ModelCIF file with pLDDT and N, C-alpha, C, O atoms, coordinates in Angstrom:
data_MODEL
#
_entry.id   MODEL 
#
_entity.id                         1 
_entity.type                       polymer 
_entity.pdbx_number_of_molecules   1 
#
_entity_poly.entity_id                      1 
_entity_poly.type                           'polypeptide(L)' 
_entity_poly.nstd_linkage                   no 
_entity_poly.nstd_monomer                   no 
_entity_poly.pdbx_seq_one_letter_code       AYVFLIIASFFSVFPLFWMISSATNATVDVSRGKLSFGSY 
_entity_poly.pdbx_seq_one_letter_code_can   AYVFLIIASFFSVFPLFWMISSATNATVDVSRGKLSFGSY 
_entity_poly.pdbx_strand_id                 A 
#
loop_
_entity_poly_seq.entity_id 
_entity_poly_seq.num 
_entity_poly_seq.mon_id 
_entity_poly_seq.hetero 
1 1  ALA n 
1 2  TYR n 
1 3  VAL n 
1 4  PHE n 
1 5  LEU n 
1 6  ILE n 
1 7  ILE n 
1 8  ALA n 
1 9  SER n 
1 10 PHE n 
1 11 PHE n 
1 12 SER n 
1 13 VAL n 
1 14 PHE n 
1 15 PRO n 
1 16 LEU n 
1 17 PHE n 
1 18 TRP n 
1 19 MET n 
1 20 ILE n 
1 21 SER n 
1 22 SER n 
1 23 ALA n 
1 24 THR n 
1 25 ASN n 
1 26 ALA n 
1 27 THR n 
1 28 VAL n 
1 29 ASP n 
1 30 VAL n 
1 31 SER n 
1 32 ARG n 
1 33 GLY n 
1 34 LYS n 
1 35 LEU n 
1 36 SER n 
1 37 PHE n 
1 38 GLY n 
1 39 SER n 
1 40 TYR n 
#
_struct_asym.id          A 
_struct_asym.entity_id   1 
#
loop_
_ma_qa_metric.id 
_ma_qa_metric.mode 
_ma_qa_metric.name 
_ma_qa_metric.software_group_id 
_ma_qa_metric.type 
1 global pLDDT . pLDDT 
2 local  pLDDT . pLDDT 
#
_ma_qa_metric_global.metric_id      1 
_ma_qa_metric_global.metric_value   85.17 
_ma_qa_metric_global.model_id       1 
_ma_qa_metric_global.ordinal_id     1 
#
loop_
_ma_qa_metric_local.label_asym_id 
_ma_qa_metric_local.label_comp_id 
_ma_qa_metric_local.label_seq_id 
_ma_qa_metric_local.metric_id 
_ma_qa_metric_local.metric_value 
_ma_qa_metric_local.model_id 
_ma_qa_metric_local.ordinal_id 
A ALA 1  2 80.00 1 1  
A TYR 2  2 84.00 1 2  
A VAL 3  2 85.00 1 3  
A PHE 4  2 87.00 1 4  
A LEU 5  2 84.00 1 5  
A ILE 6  2 86.00 1 6  
A ILE 7  2 88.00 1 7  
A ALA 8  2 86.00 1 8  
A SER 9  2 83.00 1 9  
A PHE 10 2 84.00 1 10 
A PHE 11 2 85.00 1 11 
A SER 12 2 83.00 1 12 
A VAL 13 2 85.00 1 13 
A PHE 14 2 86.00 1 14 
A PRO 15 2 85.00 1 15 
A LEU 16 2 87.00 1 16 
A PHE 17 2 87.00 1 17 
A TRP 18 2 88.00 1 18 
A MET 19 2 88.00 1 19 
A ILE 20 2 88.00 1 20 
A SER 21 2 89.00 1 21 
A SER 22 2 88.00 1 22 
A ALA 23 2 88.00 1 23 
A THR 24 2 89.00 1 24 
A ASN 25 2 87.00 1 25 
A ALA 26 2 88.00 1 26 
A THR 27 2 85.00 1 27 
A VAL 28 2 86.00 1 28 
A ASP 29 2 85.00 1 29 
A VAL 30 2 83.00 1 30 
A SER 31 2 83.00 1 31 
A ARG 32 2 84.00 1 32 
A GLY 33 2 79.00 1 33 
A LYS 34 2 81.00 1 34 
A LEU 35 2 81.00 1 35 
A SER 36 2 82.00 1 36 
A PHE 37 2 86.00 1 37 
A GLY 38 2 83.00 1 38 
A SER 39 2 85.00 1 39 
A TYR 40 2 86.00 1 40 
#
loop_
_atom_site.group_PDB 
_atom_site.id 
_atom_site.type_symbol 
_atom_site.label_atom_id 
_atom_site.label_alt_id 
_atom_site.label_comp_id 
_atom_site.label_asym_id 
_atom_site.label_entity_id 
_atom_site.label_seq_id 
_atom_site.pdbx_PDB_ins_code 
_atom_site.Cartn_x 
_atom_site.Cartn_y 
_atom_site.Cartn_z 
_atom_site.occupancy 
_atom_site.B_iso_or_equiv 
_atom_site.pdbx_formal_charge 
_atom_site.auth_seq_id 
_atom_site.auth_comp_id 
_atom_site.auth_asym_id 
_atom_site.auth_atom_id 
_atom_site.pdbx_PDB_model_num 
ATOM 1   N N  . ALA A 1 1  ? 5.357  -19.269 14.623  1.00 80.00 ? 1  ALA A N  1 
ATOM 2   C CA . ALA A 1 1  ? 4.350  -19.479 13.576  1.00 80.00 ? 1  ALA A CA 1 
ATOM 3   C C  . ALA A 1 1  ? 3.500  -18.228 13.384  1.00 80.00 ? 1  ALA A C  1 
ATOM 4   O O  . ALA A 1 1  ? 3.215  -17.842 12.251  1.00 80.00 ? 1  ALA A O  1 
ATOM 5   N N  . TYR A 1 2  ? 3.087  -17.586 14.492  1.00 84.00 ? 2  TYR A N  1 
ATOM 6   C CA . TYR A 1 2  ? 2.278  -16.380 14.397  1.00 84.00 ? 2  TYR A CA 1 
ATOM 7   C C  . TYR A 1 2  ? 3.069  -15.234 13.757  1.00 84.00 ? 2  TYR A C  1 
ATOM 8   O O  . TYR A 1 2  ? 2.529  -14.469 12.958  1.00 84.00 ? 2  TYR A O  1 
ATOM 9   N N  . VAL A 1 3  ? 4.333  -15.125 14.111  1.00 85.00 ? 3  VAL A N  1 
ATOM 10  C CA . VAL A 1 3  ? 5.174  -14.074 13.508  1.00 85.00 ? 3  VAL A CA 1 
ATOM 11  C C  . VAL A 1 3  ? 5.294  -14.293 12.003  1.00 85.00 ? 3  VAL A C  1 
ATOM 12  O O  . VAL A 1 3  ? 5.189  -13.350 11.218  1.00 85.00 ? 3  VAL A O  1 
ATOM 13  N N  . PHE A 1 4  ? 5.513  -15.534 11.613  1.00 87.00 ? 4  PHE A N  1 
ATOM 14  C CA . PHE A 1 4  ? 5.613  -15.849 10.188  1.00 87.00 ? 4  PHE A CA 1 
ATOM 15  C C  . PHE A 1 4  ? 4.309  -15.523 9.460   1.00 87.00 ? 4  PHE A C  1 
ATOM 16  O O  . PHE A 1 4  ? 4.337  -14.954 8.369   1.00 87.00 ? 4  PHE A O  1 
ATOM 17  N N  . LEU A 1 5  ? 3.162  -15.881 10.056  1.00 84.00 ? 5  LEU A N  1 
ATOM 18  C CA . LEU A 1 5  ? 1.867  -15.618 9.431   1.00 84.00 ? 5  LEU A CA 1 
ATOM 19  C C  . LEU A 1 5  ? 1.590  -14.122 9.323   1.00 84.00 ? 5  LEU A C  1 
ATOM 20  O O  . LEU A 1 5  ? 1.019  -13.662 8.334   1.00 84.00 ? 5  LEU A O  1 
ATOM 21  N N  . ILE A 1 6  ? 1.997  -13.361 10.347  1.00 86.00 ? 6  ILE A N  1 
ATOM 22  C CA . ILE A 1 6  ? 1.810  -11.909 10.299  1.00 86.00 ? 6  ILE A CA 1 
ATOM 23  C C  . ILE A 1 6  ? 2.629  -11.296 9.169   1.00 86.00 ? 6  ILE A C  1 
ATOM 24  O O  . ILE A 1 6  ? 2.137  -10.440 8.434   1.00 86.00 ? 6  ILE A O  1 
ATOM 25  N N  . ILE A 1 7  ? 3.880  -11.736 9.030   1.00 88.00 ? 7  ILE A N  1 
ATOM 26  C CA . ILE A 1 7  ? 4.736  -11.222 7.954   1.00 88.00 ? 7  ILE A CA 1 
ATOM 27  C C  . ILE A 1 7  ? 4.178  -11.602 6.590   1.00 88.00 ? 7  ILE A C  1 
ATOM 28  O O  . ILE A 1 7  ? 4.136  -10.776 5.678   1.00 88.00 ? 7  ILE A O  1 
ATOM 29  N N  . ALA A 1 8  ? 3.743  -12.869 6.452   1.00 86.00 ? 8  ALA A N  1 
ATOM 30  C CA . ALA A 1 8  ? 3.178  -13.322 5.181   1.00 86.00 ? 8  ALA A CA 1 
ATOM 31  C C  . ALA A 1 8  ? 1.897  -12.559 4.859   1.00 86.00 ? 8  ALA A C  1 
ATOM 32  O O  . ALA A 1 8  ? 1.655  -12.217 3.702   1.00 86.00 ? 8  ALA A O  1 
ATOM 33  N N  . SER A 1 9  ? 1.071  -12.288 5.878   1.00 83.00 ? 9  SER A N  1 
ATOM 34  C CA . SER A 1 9  ? -0.166 -11.529 5.656   1.00 83.00 ? 9  SER A CA 1 
ATOM 35  C C  . SER A 1 9  ? 0.136  -10.105 5.214   1.00 83.00 ? 9  SER A C  1 
ATOM 36  O O  . SER A 1 9  ? -0.559 -9.546  4.365   1.00 83.00 ? 9  SER A O  1 
ATOM 37  N N  . PHE A 1 10 ? 1.178  -9.526  5.798   1.00 84.00 ? 10 PHE A N  1 
ATOM 38  C CA . PHE A 1 10 ? 1.560  -8.164  5.409   1.00 84.00 ? 10 PHE A CA 1 
ATOM 39  C C  . PHE A 1 10 ? 1.941  -8.111  3.931   1.00 84.00 ? 10 PHE A C  1 
ATOM 40  O O  . PHE A 1 10 ? 1.487  -7.226  3.206   1.00 84.00 ? 10 PHE A O  1 
ATOM 41  N N  . PHE A 1 11 ? 2.763  -9.042  3.486   1.00 85.00 ? 11 PHE A N  1 
ATOM 42  C CA . PHE A 1 11 ? 3.175  -9.044  2.090   1.00 85.00 ? 11 PHE A CA 1 
ATOM 43  C C  . PHE A 1 11 ? 2.002  -9.356  1.153   1.00 85.00 ? 11 PHE A C  1 
ATOM 44  O O  . PHE A 1 11 ? 2.000  -8.924  0.000   1.00 85.00 ? 11 PHE A O  1 
ATOM 45  N N  . SER A 1 12 ? 1.013  -10.098 1.639   1.00 83.00 ? 12 SER A N  1 
ATOM 46  C CA . SER A 1 12 ? -0.151 -10.412 0.816   1.00 83.00 ? 12 SER A CA 1 
ATOM 47  C C  . SER A 1 12 ? -1.097 -9.213  0.696   1.00 83.00 ? 12 SER A C  1 
ATOM 48  O O  . SER A 1 12 ? -1.670 -8.977  -0.367  1.00 83.00 ? 12 SER A O  1 
ATOM 49  N N  . VAL A 1 13 ? -1.256 -8.459  1.788   1.00 85.00 ? 13 VAL A N  1 
ATOM 50  C CA . VAL A 1 13 ? -2.203 -7.348  1.813   1.00 85.00 ? 13 VAL A CA 1 
ATOM 51  C C  . VAL A 1 13 ? -1.589 -6.067  1.256   1.00 85.00 ? 13 VAL A C  1 
ATOM 52  O O  . VAL A 1 13 ? -2.311 -5.187  0.789   1.00 85.00 ? 13 VAL A O  1 
ATOM 53  N N  . PHE A 1 14 ? -0.264 -5.957  1.300   1.00 86.00 ? 14 PHE A N  1 
ATOM 54  C CA . PHE A 1 14 ? 0.383  -4.710  0.890   1.00 86.00 ? 14 PHE A CA 1 
ATOM 55  C C  . PHE A 1 14 ? 0.042  -4.291  -0.544  1.00 86.00 ? 14 PHE A C  1 
ATOM 56  O O  . PHE A 1 14 ? -0.243 -3.112  -0.752  1.00 86.00 ? 14 PHE A O  1 
ATOM 57  N N  . PRO A 1 15 ? 0.051  -5.180  -1.547  1.00 85.00 ? 15 PRO A N  1 
ATOM 58  C CA . PRO A 1 15 ? -0.322 -4.729  -2.899  1.00 85.00 ? 15 PRO A CA 1 
ATOM 59  C C  . PRO A 1 15 ? -1.731 -4.148  -2.961  1.00 85.00 ? 15 PRO A C  1 
ATOM 60  O O  . PRO A 1 15 ? -1.973 -3.184  -3.687  1.00 85.00 ? 15 PRO A O  1 
ATOM 61  N N  . LEU A 1 16 ? -2.667 -4.733  -2.198  1.00 87.00 ? 16 LEU A N  1 
ATOM 62  C CA . LEU A 1 16 ? -4.030 -4.205  -2.166  1.00 87.00 ? 16 LEU A CA 1 
ATOM 63  C C  . LEU A 1 16 ? -4.057 -2.819  -1.537  1.00 87.00 ? 16 LEU A C  1 
ATOM 64  O O  . LEU A 1 16 ? -4.727 -1.916  -2.039  1.00 87.00 ? 16 LEU A O  1 
ATOM 65  N N  . PHE A 1 17 ? -3.327 -2.653  -0.433  1.00 87.00 ? 17 PHE A N  1 
ATOM 66  C CA . PHE A 1 17 ? -3.264 -1.339  0.212   1.00 87.00 ? 17 PHE A CA 1 
ATOM 67  C C  . PHE A 1 17 ? -2.622 -0.312  -0.702  1.00 87.00 ? 17 PHE A C  1 
ATOM 68  O O  . PHE A 1 17 ? -3.085 0.825   -0.792  1.00 87.00 ? 17 PHE A O  1 
ATOM 69  N N  . TRP A 1 18 ? -1.546 -0.716  -1.386  1.00 88.00 ? 18 TRP A N  1 
ATOM 70  C CA . TRP A 1 18 ? -0.858 0.211   -2.293  1.00 88.00 ? 18 TRP A CA 1 
ATOM 71  C C  . TRP A 1 18 ? -1.761 0.609   -3.448  1.00 88.00 ? 18 TRP A C  1 
ATOM 72  O O  . TRP A 1 18 ? -1.724 1.761   -3.882  1.00 88.00 ? 18 TRP A O  1 
ATOM 73  N N  . MET A 1 19 ? -2.577 -0.318  -3.961  1.00 88.00 ? 19 MET A N  1 
ATOM 74  C CA . MET A 1 19 ? -3.502 -0.004  -5.044  1.00 88.00 ? 19 MET A CA 1 
ATOM 75  C C  . MET A 1 19 ? -4.543 1.016   -4.582  1.00 88.00 ? 19 MET A C  1 
ATOM 76  O O  . MET A 1 19 ? -4.824 1.984   -5.288  1.00 88.00 ? 19 MET A O  1 
ATOM 77  N N  . ILE A 1 20 ? -5.115 0.795   -3.394  1.00 88.00 ? 20 ILE A N  1 
ATOM 78  C CA . ILE A 1 20 ? -6.154 1.713   -2.909  1.00 88.00 ? 20 ILE A CA 1 
ATOM 79  C C  . ILE A 1 20 ? -5.579 3.084   -2.619  1.00 88.00 ? 20 ILE A C  1 
ATOM 80  O O  . ILE A 1 20 ? -6.179 4.095   -2.983  1.00 88.00 ? 20 ILE A O  1 
ATOM 81  N N  . SER A 1 21 ? -4.415 3.138   -1.964  1.00 89.00 ? 21 SER A N  1 
ATOM 82  C CA . SER A 1 21 ? -3.815 4.432   -1.650  1.00 89.00 ? 21 SER A CA 1 
ATOM 83  C C  . SER A 1 21 ? -3.389 5.170   -2.917  1.00 89.00 ? 21 SER A C  1 
ATOM 84  O O  . SER A 1 21 ? -3.528 6.391   -2.994  1.00 89.00 ? 21 SER A O  1 
ATOM 85  N N  . SER A 1 22 ? -2.877 4.450   -3.903  1.00 88.00 ? 22 SER A N  1 
ATOM 86  C CA . SER A 1 22 ? -2.460 5.091   -5.154  1.00 88.00 ? 22 SER A CA 1 
ATOM 87  C C  . SER A 1 22 ? -3.653 5.668   -5.914  1.00 88.00 ? 22 SER A C  1 
ATOM 88  O O  . SER A 1 22 ? -3.513 6.669   -6.617  1.00 88.00 ? 22 SER A O  1 
ATOM 89  N N  . ALA A 1 23 ? -4.831 5.040   -5.778  1.00 88.00 ? 23 ALA A N  1 
ATOM 90  C CA . ALA A 1 23 ? -6.026 5.543   -6.450  1.00 88.00 ? 23 ALA A CA 1 
ATOM 91  C C  . ALA A 1 23 ? -6.496 6.867   -5.866  1.00 88.00 ? 23 ALA A C  1 
ATOM 92  O O  . ALA A 1 23 ? -7.309 7.560   -6.479  1.00 88.00 ? 23 ALA A O  1 
ATOM 93  N N  . THR A 1 24 ? -5.989 7.230   -4.677  1.00 89.00 ? 24 THR A N  1 
ATOM 94  C CA . THR A 1 24 ? -6.392 8.489   -4.046  1.00 89.00 ? 24 THR A CA 1 
ATOM 95  C C  . THR A 1 24 ? -5.311 9.560   -4.148  1.00 89.00 ? 24 THR A C  1 
ATOM 96  O O  . THR A 1 24 ? -5.457 10.645  -3.585  1.00 89.00 ? 24 THR A O  1 
ATOM 97  N N  . ASN A 1 25 ? -4.226 9.263   -4.863  1.00 87.00 ? 25 ASN A N  1 
ATOM 98  C CA . ASN A 1 25 ? -3.114 10.210  -4.979  1.00 87.00 ? 25 ASN A CA 1 
ATOM 99  C C  . ASN A 1 25 ? -2.942 10.667  -6.421  1.00 87.00 ? 25 ASN A C  1 
ATOM 100 O O  . ASN A 1 25 ? -3.429 10.031  -7.355  1.00 87.00 ? 25 ASN A O  1 
ATOM 101 N N  . ALA A 1 26 ? -2.234 11.792  -6.582  1.00 88.00 ? 26 ALA A N  1 
ATOM 102 C CA . ALA A 1 26 ? -1.905 12.290  -7.914  1.00 88.00 ? 26 ALA A CA 1 
ATOM 103 C C  . ALA A 1 26 ? -0.802 11.430  -8.514  1.00 88.00 ? 26 ALA A C  1 
ATOM 104 O O  . ALA A 1 26 ? -0.096 10.719  -7.799  1.00 88.00 ? 26 ALA A O  1 
ATOM 105 N N  . THR A 1 27 ? -0.663 11.501  -9.824  1.00 85.00 ? 27 THR A N  1 
ATOM 106 C CA . THR A 1 27 ? 0.320  10.657  -10.508 1.00 85.00 ? 27 THR A CA 1 
ATOM 107 C C  . THR A 1 27 ? 1.736  10.947  -10.047 1.00 85.00 ? 27 THR A C  1 
ATOM 108 O O  . THR A 1 27 ? 2.578  10.049  -10.045 1.00 85.00 ? 27 THR A O  1 
ATOM 109 N N  . VAL A 1 28 ? 2.021  12.210  -9.648  1.00 86.00 ? 28 VAL A N  1 
ATOM 110 C CA . VAL A 1 28 ? 3.356  12.555  -9.154  1.00 86.00 ? 28 VAL A CA 1 
ATOM 111 C C  . VAL A 1 28 ? 3.633  11.840  -7.836  1.00 86.00 ? 28 VAL A C  1 
ATOM 112 O O  . VAL A 1 28 ? 4.735  11.336  -7.616  1.00 86.00 ? 28 VAL A O  1 
ATOM 113 N N  . ASP A 1 29 ? 2.628  11.797  -6.959  1.00 85.00 ? 29 ASP A N  1 
ATOM 114 C CA . ASP A 1 29 ? 2.805  11.132  -5.670  1.00 85.00 ? 29 ASP A CA 1 
ATOM 115 C C  . ASP A 1 29 ? 2.957  9.624   -5.847  1.00 85.00 ? 29 ASP A C  1 
ATOM 116 O O  . ASP A 1 29 ? 3.734  8.983   -5.139  1.00 85.00 ? 29 ASP A O  1 
ATOM 117 N N  . VAL A 1 30 ? 2.210  9.063   -6.794  1.00 83.00 ? 30 VAL A N  1 
ATOM 118 C CA . VAL A 1 30 ? 2.328  7.628   -7.051  1.00 83.00 ? 30 VAL A CA 1 
ATOM 119 C C  . VAL A 1 30 ? 3.720  7.297   -7.563  1.00 83.00 ? 30 VAL A C  1 
ATOM 120 O O  . VAL A 1 30 ? 4.309  6.291   -7.167  1.00 83.00 ? 30 VAL A O  1 
ATOM 121 N N  . SER A 1 31 ? 4.248  8.141   -8.442  1.00 83.00 ? 31 SER A N  1 
ATOM 122 C CA . SER A 1 31 ? 5.590  7.914   -8.986  1.00 83.00 ? 31 SER A CA 1 
ATOM 123 C C  . SER A 1 31 ? 6.658  8.019   -7.904  1.00 83.00 ? 31 SER A C  1 
ATOM 124 O O  . SER A 1 31 ? 7.689  7.350   -7.972  1.00 83.00 ? 31 SER A O  1 
ATOM 125 N N  . ARG A 1 32 ? 6.409  8.848   -6.921  1.00 84.00 ? 32 ARG A N  1 
ATOM 126 C CA . ARG A 1 32 ? 7.374  9.001   -5.826  1.00 84.00 ? 32 ARG A CA 1 
ATOM 127 C C  . ARG A 1 32 ? 7.262  7.882   -4.794  1.00 84.00 ? 32 ARG A C  1 
ATOM 128 O O  . ARG A 1 32 ? 8.105  7.779   -3.903  1.00 84.00 ? 32 ARG A O  1 
ATOM 129 N N  . GLY A 1 33 ? 6.241  7.052   -4.902  1.00 79.00 ? 33 GLY A N  1 
ATOM 130 C CA . GLY A 1 33 ? 6.078  5.949   -3.965  1.00 79.00 ? 33 GLY A CA 1 
ATOM 131 C C  . GLY A 1 33 ? 5.348  6.316   -2.693  1.00 79.00 ? 33 GLY A C  1 
ATOM 132 O O  . GLY A 1 33 ? 5.575  5.694   -1.655  1.00 79.00 ? 33 GLY A O  1 
ATOM 133 N N  . LYS A 1 34 ? 4.474  7.314   -2.745  1.00 81.00 ? 34 LYS A N  1 
ATOM 134 C CA . LYS A 1 34 ? 3.716  7.712   -1.558  1.00 81.00 ? 34 LYS A CA 1 
ATOM 135 C C  . LYS A 1 34 ? 2.751  6.602   -1.158  1.00 81.00 ? 34 LYS A C  1 
ATOM 136 O O  . LYS A 1 34 ? 2.020  6.079   -1.999  1.00 81.00 ? 34 LYS A O  1 
ATOM 137 N N  . LEU A 1 35 ? 2.747  6.240   0.122   1.00 81.00 ? 35 LEU A N  1 
ATOM 138 C CA . LEU A 1 35 ? 1.931  5.127   0.598   1.00 81.00 ? 35 LEU A CA 1 
ATOM 139 C C  . LEU A 1 35 ? 0.722  5.575   1.402   1.00 81.00 ? 35 LEU A C  1 
ATOM 140 O O  . LEU A 1 35 ? -0.164 4.764   1.672   1.00 81.00 ? 35 LEU A O  1 
ATOM 141 N N  . SER A 1 36 ? 0.661  6.822   1.785   1.00 82.00 ? 36 SER A N  1 
ATOM 142 C CA . SER A 1 36 ? -0.486 7.301   2.551   1.00 82.00 ? 36 SER A CA 1 
ATOM 143 C C  . SER A 1 36 ? -1.611 7.712   1.608   1.00 82.00 ? 36 SER A C  1 
ATOM 144 O O  . SER A 1 36 ? -1.392 7.935   0.418   1.00 82.00 ? 36 SER A O  1 
ATOM 145 N N  . PHE A 1 37 ? -2.807 7.807   2.153   1.00 86.00 ? 37 PHE A N  1 
ATOM 146 C CA . PHE A 1 37 ? -3.965 8.186   1.347   1.00 86.00 ? 37 PHE A CA 1 
ATOM 147 C C  . PHE A 1 37 ? -3.925 9.682   1.035   1.00 86.00 ? 37 PHE A C  1 
ATOM 148 O O  . PHE A 1 37 ? -3.504 10.503  1.850   1.00 86.00 ? 37 PHE A O  1 
ATOM 149 N N  . GLY A 1 38 ? -4.378 9.999   -0.175  1.00 83.00 ? 38 GLY A N  1 
ATOM 150 C CA . GLY A 1 38 ? -4.389 11.389  -0.615  1.00 83.00 ? 38 GLY A CA 1 
ATOM 151 C C  . GLY A 1 38 ? -5.795 11.921  -0.788  1.00 83.00 ? 38 GLY A C  1 
ATOM 152 O O  . GLY A 1 38 ? -6.762 11.330  -0.307  1.00 83.00 ? 38 GLY A O  1 
ATOM 153 N N  . SER A 1 39 ? -5.900 13.044  -1.480  1.00 85.00 ? 39 SER A N  1 
ATOM 154 C CA . SER A 1 39 ? -7.198 13.716  -1.664  1.00 85.00 ? 39 SER A CA 1 
ATOM 155 C C  . SER A 1 39 ? -7.559 13.853  -3.142  1.00 85.00 ? 39 SER A C  1 
ATOM 156 O O  . SER A 1 39 ? -8.346 14.722  -3.516  1.00 85.00 ? 39 SER A O  1 
ATOM 157 N N  . TYR A 1 40 ? -6.982 12.995  -3.974  1.00 86.00 ? 40 TYR A N  1 
ATOM 158 C CA . TYR A 1 40 ? -7.223 13.091  -5.417  1.00 86.00 ? 40 TYR A CA 1 
ATOM 159 C C  . TYR A 1 40 ? -8.148 11.982  -5.925  1.00 86.00 ? 40 TYR A C  1 
ATOM 160 O O  . TYR A 1 40 ? -8.447 11.925  -7.118  1.00 86.00 ? 40 TYR A O  1 
#
């Protein structure tokens, strides 16, 4: 049950993380699928 909840939480939080990280990257990095935070 805990493993399932962790996986479900990851898929729920991932779009939020991707939105925040993309807001800190250049458009080229966003198009390439960069997931780490940038300096833009």
